[in-house]
Amino acid sequence: MIHIHANMTQKIDDTIQIMYSDDQTGIVIPENHMLMQAMLFEKSYDDAAKHTEKLFNMSKKKKLLESNFGKN
């Protein structure tokens, strides 16, 4: 799994130039998905977040992580 760095990414015509680093956790998949939606399809943050939520169910996963690892 790779993590795409948004601040080191640019779109030139129909090509995207990206800087990335390796990530073995797999947690960054939704983040990368949102970034690509914004760059390729020029979606707003809200639209990209809604679409990503629909695909990855992030709010459910966030609640699960918070219940297991969050401070009370």
Protein backbone atom coordinates (compact mmCIF):
# COMPACT_ATOMS: atom_id res chain seq x y z
CA MET A 1 0.00 0.00 0.00
CA ILE A 2 1.22 3.48 -0.76
CA HIS A 3 0.39 6.82 0.80
CA ILE A 4 0.00 9.63 -1.74
CA HIS A 5 1.22 13.01 -0.47
CA ALA A 6 -1.33 15.65 -1.50
CA ASN A 7 1.07 18.56 -1.10
CA MET A 8 3.48 16.94 -3.59
CA THR A 9 0.92 16.01 -6.24
CA GLN A 10 -0.06 17.87 -9.39
CA LYS A 11 -2.32 17.40 -12.39
CA ILE A 12 -0.97 18.33 -15.82
CA ASP A 13 -3.56 17.90 -18.58
CA ASP A 14 -4.53 14.21 -18.43
CA THR A 15 -1.52 13.15 -16.34
CA ILE A 16 -1.09 13.10 -12.56
CA GLN A 17 2.37 13.37 -11.04
CA ILE A 18 2.46 11.93 -7.50
CA MET A 19 4.93 11.57 -4.64
CA TYR A 20 4.26 8.57 -2.44
CA SER A 21 5.62 6.53 0.43
CA ASP A 22 5.05 2.93 1.47
CA ASP A 23 2.41 2.16 4.11
CA GLN A 24 1.86 -1.38 5.33
CA THR A 25 -1.27 -0.60 7.38
CA GLY A 26 -3.74 -0.19 4.51
CA ILE A 27 -5.46 2.64 6.39
CA VAL A 28 -4.70 5.27 3.75
CA ILE A 29 -6.79 3.71 0.96
CA PRO A 30 -9.83 5.96 1.56
CA GLU A 31 -7.62 9.04 1.88
CA ASN A 32 -5.99 8.28 -1.46
CA HIS A 33 -9.41 7.62 -2.99
CA MET A 34 -10.63 11.06 -1.89
CA LEU A 35 -7.51 12.75 -3.25
CA MET A 36 -7.85 11.10 -6.65
CA GLN A 37 -11.53 12.06 -6.88
CA ALA A 38 -10.64 15.68 -6.24
CA MET A 39 -7.80 15.69 -8.76
CA LEU A 40 -9.26 13.56 -11.54
CA PHE A 41 -12.93 14.46 -11.30
CA GLU A 42 -12.62 17.87 -9.62
CA LYS A 43 -15.07 16.86 -6.88
CA SER A 44 -15.47 19.06 -3.84
CA TYR A 45 -14.28 17.80 -0.47
CA ASP A 46 -17.88 17.18 0.63
CA ASP A 47 -18.75 15.19 -2.51
CA ALA A 48 -15.54 13.16 -2.29
CA ALA A 49 -16.13 12.47 1.41
CA LYS A 50 -19.71 11.31 0.80
CA HIS A 51 -18.63 9.01 -2.03
CA THR A 52 -15.75 7.61 0.02
CA GLU A 53 -18.07 7.02 2.99
CA LYS A 54 -20.47 5.13 0.72
CA LEU A 55 -17.67 2.85 -0.54
CA PHE A 56 -15.60 2.34 2.60
CA ASN A 57 -18.07 2.91 5.51
CA MET A 58 -15.48 5.02 7.29
CA SER A 59 -17.78 6.34 10.04
CA LYS A 60 -18.58 2.77 11.11
CA LYS A 61 -14.87 1.85 11.11
CA LYS A 62 -13.99 5.05 13.00
CA LYS A 63 -16.53 4.22 15.74
CA LEU A 64 -15.14 0.69 16.00
CA LEU A 65 -11.56 1.97 16.33
CA GLU A 66 -12.60 4.61 18.88
CA SER A 67 -14.46 2.04 20.98
CA ASN A 68 -11.41 -0.23 21.07
CA PHE A 69 -8.57 2.29 21.28
CA GLY A 70 -10.09 5.64 22.34
CA LYS A 71 -9.46 7.22 25.72
CA ASN A 72 -12.47 7.32 28.02
